[in-house]
Amino acid sequence: MSSVEERAQTGAFIRAMRPQHWVKNLLVFVPLLTAHEYENLQSILAAAVAFACFSLCASAGYFINDLRDLESDRVHTIKRHRPFASGALPINWGIAGAIGLPLLSLLLAVSFLPLAFIGVLALYFALTIAYTFYLKRVFTADVLTLSVLYMLRVLAGAVAIEVVLSSWLLAFCIFFFISLAYLKRYIELRKLNGGNGKVHGRGYFGEDEAAIFSLGVANATASIVVLALFINNADTTNEYASRNVLWGLCLVMVFWTNRIWISASRGMVDEDPVEFALHDRASQLAAVLSIAVVLVARYIDLPF
């Protein structure tokens, strides 16, 4: 094999790992922020290792998924360009990645993180496999599974830095992640263009589009209500110098959830809502504003 072919296959291997989706694993840093441990270098390093472990583990799941769906991907208008479906990457590379990446992830976890983190990581990987081979075809169960996979990242971040997740954060995440999962399904249904056919490999039909939209928006709204209740909670005053500044988070959340759901209804969100948000200027601004609001509320004592 020539050096050019080796570089091409290495590039295809990296694409098959889908590093652009690792942004989802930034959720492991959420407990670091909410517990205000971002001034603790040891906690930062532990969260960074947790991020690496989940990224490697997630990539292994992508390899397994692509090998499992190889034939259907080859006839899909977009997925046929994936490395395995297009033939850019040999199948044996996929098998090596599906086995080697989770082992590397496990080695990192065993070397640097608490034993409880390994348990959460193992549960994440097992649930990913179950989703790939069965759960993604069962309506409602698929959405709950996706939301749990998001939630496990947050839980893993807490375990890695050895802090306890607050009930407020858990409640917010449950509703918010269910909304994101419904959004992913809504985007797939939207591509049927009002047809009554079934989404390939999923448990949904075209006529489910309106129901999925309503459920997604309802769960997004519930997450904002939980956030508002947290801000209004008397105990929050003890954690922030200017608690009322946090109401700005509710405004940012209303803006972002409304924007992404309307964008999806217009067909502007393609495949993955997280990837859309990553490249959307308004979503980037919303993220920066959220961080700024929290920091101001935490450290600056304002007269209101």
Protein backbone atom coordinates (compact mmCIF):
# COMPACT_ATOMS: atom_id res chain seq x y z
CA MET A 1 0.00 0.00 0.00
CA SER A 2 1.39 3.40 -1.00
CA SER A 3 1.82 6.26 1.46
CA VAL A 4 -0.94 8.14 -0.36
CA GLU A 5 -3.36 5.22 0.14
CA GLU A 6 -2.34 4.92 3.79
CA ARG A 7 -3.02 8.62 4.38
CA ALA A 8 -6.37 8.32 2.59
CA GLN A 9 -7.41 5.37 4.76
CA THR A 10 -6.19 7.10 7.91
CA GLY A 11 -8.29 10.12 6.99
CA ALA A 12 -11.28 7.87 6.32
CA PHE A 13 -10.76 6.17 9.69
CA ILE A 14 -10.81 9.53 11.45
CA ARG A 15 -13.98 10.53 9.56
CA ALA A 16 -15.60 7.25 10.61
CA MET A 17 -14.86 8.18 14.22
CA ARG A 18 -17.06 11.27 13.64
CA PRO A 19 -15.01 13.67 15.79
CA GLN A 20 -17.51 16.44 14.98
CA HIS A 21 -19.96 14.58 17.22
CA TRP A 22 -17.57 14.63 20.17
CA VAL A 23 -19.05 18.02 21.01
CA LYS A 24 -21.86 16.06 22.70
CA ASN A 25 -19.30 14.69 25.14
CA LEU A 26 -18.65 18.21 26.42
CA LEU A 27 -21.60 17.39 28.67
CA VAL A 28 -19.11 15.72 31.01
CA PHE A 29 -17.92 19.24 31.90
CA VAL A 30 -21.40 20.35 33.04
CA PRO A 31 -20.95 19.17 36.66
CA LEU A 32 -17.57 20.93 36.71
CA LEU A 33 -19.37 24.19 35.92
CA THR A 34 -22.49 23.74 38.04
CA ALA A 35 -20.45 22.64 41.08
CA HIS A 36 -18.10 25.59 40.46
CA GLU A 37 -15.05 23.30 40.39
CA TYR A 38 -13.51 25.06 37.39
CA GLU A 39 -10.85 26.60 39.61
CA ASN A 40 -9.66 23.15 40.67
CA LEU A 41 -6.95 21.90 38.28
CA GLN A 42 -7.32 18.29 39.38
CA SER A 43 -11.05 18.37 38.61
CA ILE A 44 -10.40 19.96 35.21
CA LEU A 45 -7.91 17.22 34.30
CA ALA A 46 -10.29 14.49 35.49
CA ALA A 47 -13.12 15.95 33.38
CA ALA A 48 -10.77 16.15 30.37
CA VAL A 49 -9.88 12.46 30.71
CA ALA A 50 -13.59 11.64 31.05
CA PHE A 51 -14.22 13.57 27.82
CA ALA A 52 -11.53 11.55 26.05
CA CYS A 53 -12.97 8.26 27.35
CA PHE A 54 -16.47 9.08 26.18
CA SER A 55 -15.24 10.32 22.80
CA LEU A 56 -13.35 7.07 22.13
CA CYS A 57 -16.29 5.01 23.37
CA ALA A 58 -18.77 7.00 21.25
CA SER A 59 -16.59 6.54 18.16
CA ALA A 60 -16.58 2.78 18.76
CA GLY A 61 -20.37 2.94 18.81
CA TYR A 62 -20.33 4.77 15.46
CA PHE A 63 -18.16 2.02 13.97
CA ILE A 64 -20.55 -0.65 15.19
CA ASN A 65 -23.56 1.31 13.92
CA ASP A 66 -22.00 1.84 10.47
CA LEU A 67 -21.09 -1.84 10.15
CA ARG A 68 -24.57 -2.85 11.30
CA ASP A 69 -26.32 -0.50 8.82
CA LEU A 70 -23.86 -0.99 5.96
CA GLU A 71 -26.37 -2.16 3.34
CA SER A 72 -29.02 0.45 4.13
CA ASP A 73 -26.39 3.20 4.24
CA ARG A 74 -25.26 2.30 0.72
CA VAL A 75 -28.67 3.23 -0.71
CA HIS A 76 -29.19 6.32 1.50
CA THR A 77 -28.80 9.68 -0.26
CA ILE A 78 -26.46 11.06 2.43
CA LYS A 79 -25.18 8.09 4.43
CA ARG A 80 -23.81 6.37 1.30
CA HIS A 81 -20.87 8.77 1.53
CA ARG A 82 -19.79 7.39 4.90
CA PRO A 83 -16.35 5.68 4.81
CA PHE A 84 -17.58 2.08 5.04
CA ALA A 85 -20.64 2.50 2.82
CA SER A 86 -18.59 4.25 0.12
CA GLY A 87 -15.79 1.69 0.27
CA ALA A 88 -13.20 4.29 1.33
CA LEU A 89 -12.42 2.21 4.42
CA PRO A 90 -12.09 -1.61 4.56
CA ILE A 91 -14.44 -3.53 6.85
CA ASN A 92 -11.53 -4.93 8.89
CA TRP A 93 -10.62 -1.36 9.92
CA GLY A 94 -14.15 -1.03 11.27
CA ILE A 95 -13.84 -4.23 13.28
CA ALA A 96 -10.50 -3.05 14.66
CA GLY A 97 -12.00 0.31 15.64
CA ALA A 98 -15.08 -1.27 17.22
CA ILE A 99 -12.84 -3.41 19.45
CA GLY A 100 -9.77 -1.24 19.96
CA LEU A 101 -11.39 2.12 20.75
CA PRO A 102 -13.48 0.96 23.74
CA LEU A 103 -10.47 -0.95 25.09
CA LEU A 104 -8.36 2.22 24.88
CA SER A 105 -11.18 4.14 26.58
CA LEU A 106 -11.31 1.54 29.36
CA LEU A 107 -7.54 1.72 29.82
CA LEU A 108 -7.69 5.49 30.28
CA ALA A 109 -10.55 5.20 32.75
CA VAL A 110 -8.84 2.51 34.82
CA SER A 111 -5.61 4.52 34.92
CA PHE A 112 -6.93 7.93 35.90
CA LEU A 113 -10.56 7.91 37.07
CA PRO A 114 -12.65 6.48 39.96
CA LEU A 115 -14.05 2.98 39.70
CA ALA A 116 -17.62 4.34 39.61
CA PHE A 117 -16.79 6.16 36.36
CA ILE A 118 -15.92 2.84 34.72
CA GLY A 119 -19.37 1.56 35.65
CA VAL A 120 -21.08 4.57 34.06
CA LEU A 121 -18.89 4.26 30.95
CA ALA A 122 -19.70 0.54 30.65
CA LEU A 123 -23.42 1.25 31.00
CA TYR A 124 -23.16 3.94 28.30
CA PHE A 125 -21.45 1.57 25.88
CA ALA A 126 -23.88 -1.29 26.59
CA LEU A 127 -26.86 1.01 26.06
CA THR A 128 -25.29 2.28 22.83
CA ILE A 129 -25.06 -1.30 21.55
CA ALA A 130 -28.66 -2.02 22.60
CA TYR A 131 -29.79 1.15 20.81
CA THR A 132 -27.91 0.22 17.62
CA PHE A 133 -29.29 -3.31 17.38
CA TYR A 134 -32.83 -2.89 18.73
CA LEU A 135 -33.99 0.16 20.68
CA LYS A 136 -33.68 2.69 17.85
CA ARG A 137 -36.50 0.88 16.03
CA VAL A 138 -38.93 1.06 19.00
CA PHE A 139 -40.88 4.32 19.15
CA THR A 140 -40.67 6.25 22.44
CA ALA A 141 -38.07 3.78 23.78
CA ASP A 142 -35.61 5.19 21.25
CA VAL A 143 -36.20 8.76 22.45
CA LEU A 144 -35.82 7.81 26.11
CA THR A 145 -32.64 5.87 25.29
CA LEU A 146 -31.11 8.85 23.50
CA SER A 147 -31.95 11.10 26.43
CA VAL A 148 -30.40 8.62 28.88
CA LEU A 149 -27.24 8.47 26.76
CA TYR A 150 -26.99 12.26 27.06
CA MET A 151 -27.71 12.03 30.78
CA LEU A 152 -25.01 9.42 31.37
CA ARG A 153 -22.43 11.87 30.05
CA VAL A 154 -23.45 14.39 32.70
CA LEU A 155 -23.49 11.69 35.40
CA ALA A 156 -20.04 10.50 34.30
CA GLY A 157 -18.70 14.03 34.60
CA ALA A 158 -19.96 14.22 38.18
CA VAL A 159 -18.50 10.84 39.08
CA ALA A 160 -15.15 11.74 37.48
CA ILE A 161 -14.70 14.82 39.70
CA GLU A 162 -16.51 13.19 42.64
CA VAL A 163 -19.36 15.63 43.14
CA VAL A 164 -23.08 14.95 43.67
CA LEU A 165 -25.51 16.05 40.97
CA SER A 166 -28.27 18.33 42.21
CA SER A 167 -31.88 17.28 41.73
CA TRP A 168 -32.44 20.55 39.87
CA LEU A 169 -29.80 19.71 37.27
CA LEU A 170 -31.13 16.17 36.89
CA ALA A 171 -34.69 17.41 36.31
CA PHE A 172 -33.57 20.05 33.82
CA CYS A 173 -31.45 17.55 31.88
CA ILE A 174 -34.21 14.94 31.69
CA PHE A 175 -36.67 17.28 29.98
CA PHE A 176 -34.08 19.07 27.85
CA PHE A 177 -32.50 15.87 26.52
CA ILE A 178 -35.88 14.30 25.76
CA SER A 179 -36.66 17.42 23.74
CA LEU A 180 -33.40 17.05 21.80
CA ALA A 181 -34.14 13.38 21.13
CA TYR A 182 -37.62 14.22 19.82
CA LEU A 183 -36.07 16.95 17.67
CA LYS A 184 -33.78 14.38 16.05
CA ARG A 185 -36.78 12.21 15.20
CA TYR A 186 -38.80 15.22 14.02
CA ILE A 187 -36.05 16.11 11.54
CA GLU A 188 -36.20 12.59 10.09
CA LEU A 189 -40.00 12.77 9.81
CA ARG A 190 -39.82 16.23 8.25
CA LYS A 191 -37.81 14.75 5.36
CA LEU A 192 -40.82 12.64 4.37
CA ASN A 193 -42.32 15.94 3.14
CA GLY A 194 -45.75 15.28 4.60
CA GLY A 195 -45.87 11.69 3.39
CA ASN A 196 -47.37 8.86 5.38
CA GLY A 197 -44.47 6.47 4.89
CA LYS A 198 -42.31 5.02 7.63
CA VAL A 199 -38.90 6.42 8.52
CA HIS A 200 -36.38 3.74 7.52
CA GLY A 201 -35.10 1.82 10.53
CA ARG A 202 -37.29 3.76 12.97
CA GLY A 203 -40.66 3.16 14.61
CA TYR A 204 -42.31 6.34 13.27
CA PHE A 205 -44.64 7.19 10.41
CA GLY A 206 -45.26 10.44 8.57
CA GLU A 207 -48.49 11.08 10.45
CA ASP A 208 -46.52 11.21 13.71
CA GLU A 209 -44.84 14.49 12.72
CA ALA A 210 -47.27 16.83 14.51
CA ALA A 211 -47.28 14.72 17.68
CA ILE A 212 -43.47 14.59 17.78
CA PHE A 213 -43.28 18.37 17.33
CA SER A 214 -45.70 18.94 20.22
CA LEU A 215 -43.92 16.50 22.53
CA GLY A 216 -40.54 18.03 21.74
CA VAL A 217 -41.63 21.60 22.38
CA ALA A 218 -43.49 20.55 25.56
CA ASN A 219 -40.38 18.93 27.01
CA ALA A 220 -38.25 21.95 26.07
CA THR A 221 -40.73 24.19 27.88
CA ALA A 222 -40.68 21.90 30.92
CA SER A 223 -36.88 22.21 31.11
CA ILE A 224 -37.18 26.02 31.15
CA VAL A 225 -39.81 25.82 33.90
CA VAL A 226 -37.42 23.69 35.99
CA LEU A 227 -34.68 26.26 35.40
CA ALA A 228 -37.02 29.06 36.55
CA LEU A 229 -37.95 27.13 39.70
CA PHE A 230 -34.25 26.61 40.46
CA ILE A 231 -33.53 30.34 40.08
CA ASN A 232 -36.48 31.18 42.34
CA ASN A 233 -35.34 28.69 44.99
CA ALA A 234 -34.12 30.39 48.17
CA ASP A 235 -31.06 28.14 48.45
CA THR A 236 -29.75 29.47 45.12
CA THR A 237 -29.00 32.79 46.85
CA ASN A 238 -26.21 31.09 48.80
CA GLU A 239 -24.42 30.03 45.60
CA TYR A 240 -24.63 33.24 43.58
CA ALA A 241 -23.76 36.86 44.35
CA SER A 242 -26.56 38.12 42.08
CA ARG A 243 -29.18 35.42 41.75
CA ASN A 244 -31.60 37.55 39.71
CA VAL A 245 -29.07 37.77 36.87
CA LEU A 246 -29.75 34.07 36.27
CA TRP A 247 -33.16 34.97 34.85
CA GLY A 248 -31.21 35.86 31.74
CA LEU A 249 -30.64 32.12 31.29
CA CYS A 250 -34.38 31.59 30.89
CA LEU A 251 -34.50 34.22 28.14
CA VAL A 252 -31.56 32.61 26.35
CA MET A 253 -33.17 29.17 26.63
CA VAL A 254 -36.52 30.42 25.30
CA PHE A 255 -34.72 32.07 22.39
CA TRP A 256 -32.63 29.01 21.52
CA THR A 257 -35.33 26.35 21.85
CA ASN A 258 -37.82 28.42 19.84
CA ARG A 259 -35.23 29.11 17.18
CA ILE A 260 -34.07 25.53 16.69
CA TRP A 261 -37.60 24.07 16.60
CA ILE A 262 -38.80 26.68 14.11
CA SER A 263 -35.64 26.11 12.04
CA ALA A 264 -36.36 22.38 12.06
CA SER A 265 -39.96 22.95 10.96
CA ARG A 266 -38.61 24.96 8.02
CA GLY A 267 -36.28 22.12 7.03
CA MET A 268 -33.17 24.10 7.96
CA VAL A 269 -31.78 21.56 10.45
CA ASP A 270 -30.17 18.58 8.73
CA GLU A 271 -29.70 15.23 10.50
CA ASP A 272 -28.26 16.24 13.89
CA PRO A 273 -29.50 19.25 15.92
CA VAL A 274 -26.27 19.38 17.96
CA GLU A 275 -24.17 19.63 14.80
CA PHE A 276 -26.51 22.36 13.54
CA ALA A 277 -26.08 24.31 16.77
CA LEU A 278 -22.31 23.94 16.51
CA HIS A 279 -22.26 25.84 13.21
CA ASP A 280 -25.17 28.21 13.85
CA ARG A 281 -24.06 31.73 14.79
CA ALA A 282 -27.13 32.40 16.91
CA SER A 283 -26.59 29.15 18.85
CA GLN A 284 -22.94 30.05 19.42
CA LEU A 285 -24.03 33.46 20.73
CA ALA A 286 -26.58 31.80 23.03
CA ALA A 287 -23.84 29.57 24.48
CA VAL A 288 -21.51 32.53 25.11
CA LEU A 289 -24.34 34.54 26.71
CA SER A 290 -25.25 31.61 28.98
CA ILE A 291 -21.70 31.30 30.27
CA ALA A 292 -21.45 35.08 30.73
CA VAL A 293 -24.74 35.21 32.68
CA VAL A 294 -23.63 32.44 35.05
CA LEU A 295 -20.23 34.04 35.69
CA VAL A 296 -21.74 37.48 36.34
CA ALA A 297 -24.35 35.98 38.66
CA ARG A 298 -21.69 34.00 40.50
CA TYR A 299 -19.05 36.65 41.05
CA ILE A 300 -20.55 40.13 40.70
CA ASP A 301 -22.79 41.51 43.43
CA LEU A 302 -25.30 43.72 41.65
CA PRO A 303 -27.93 45.88 43.42
CA PHE A 304 -30.93 43.89 42.18
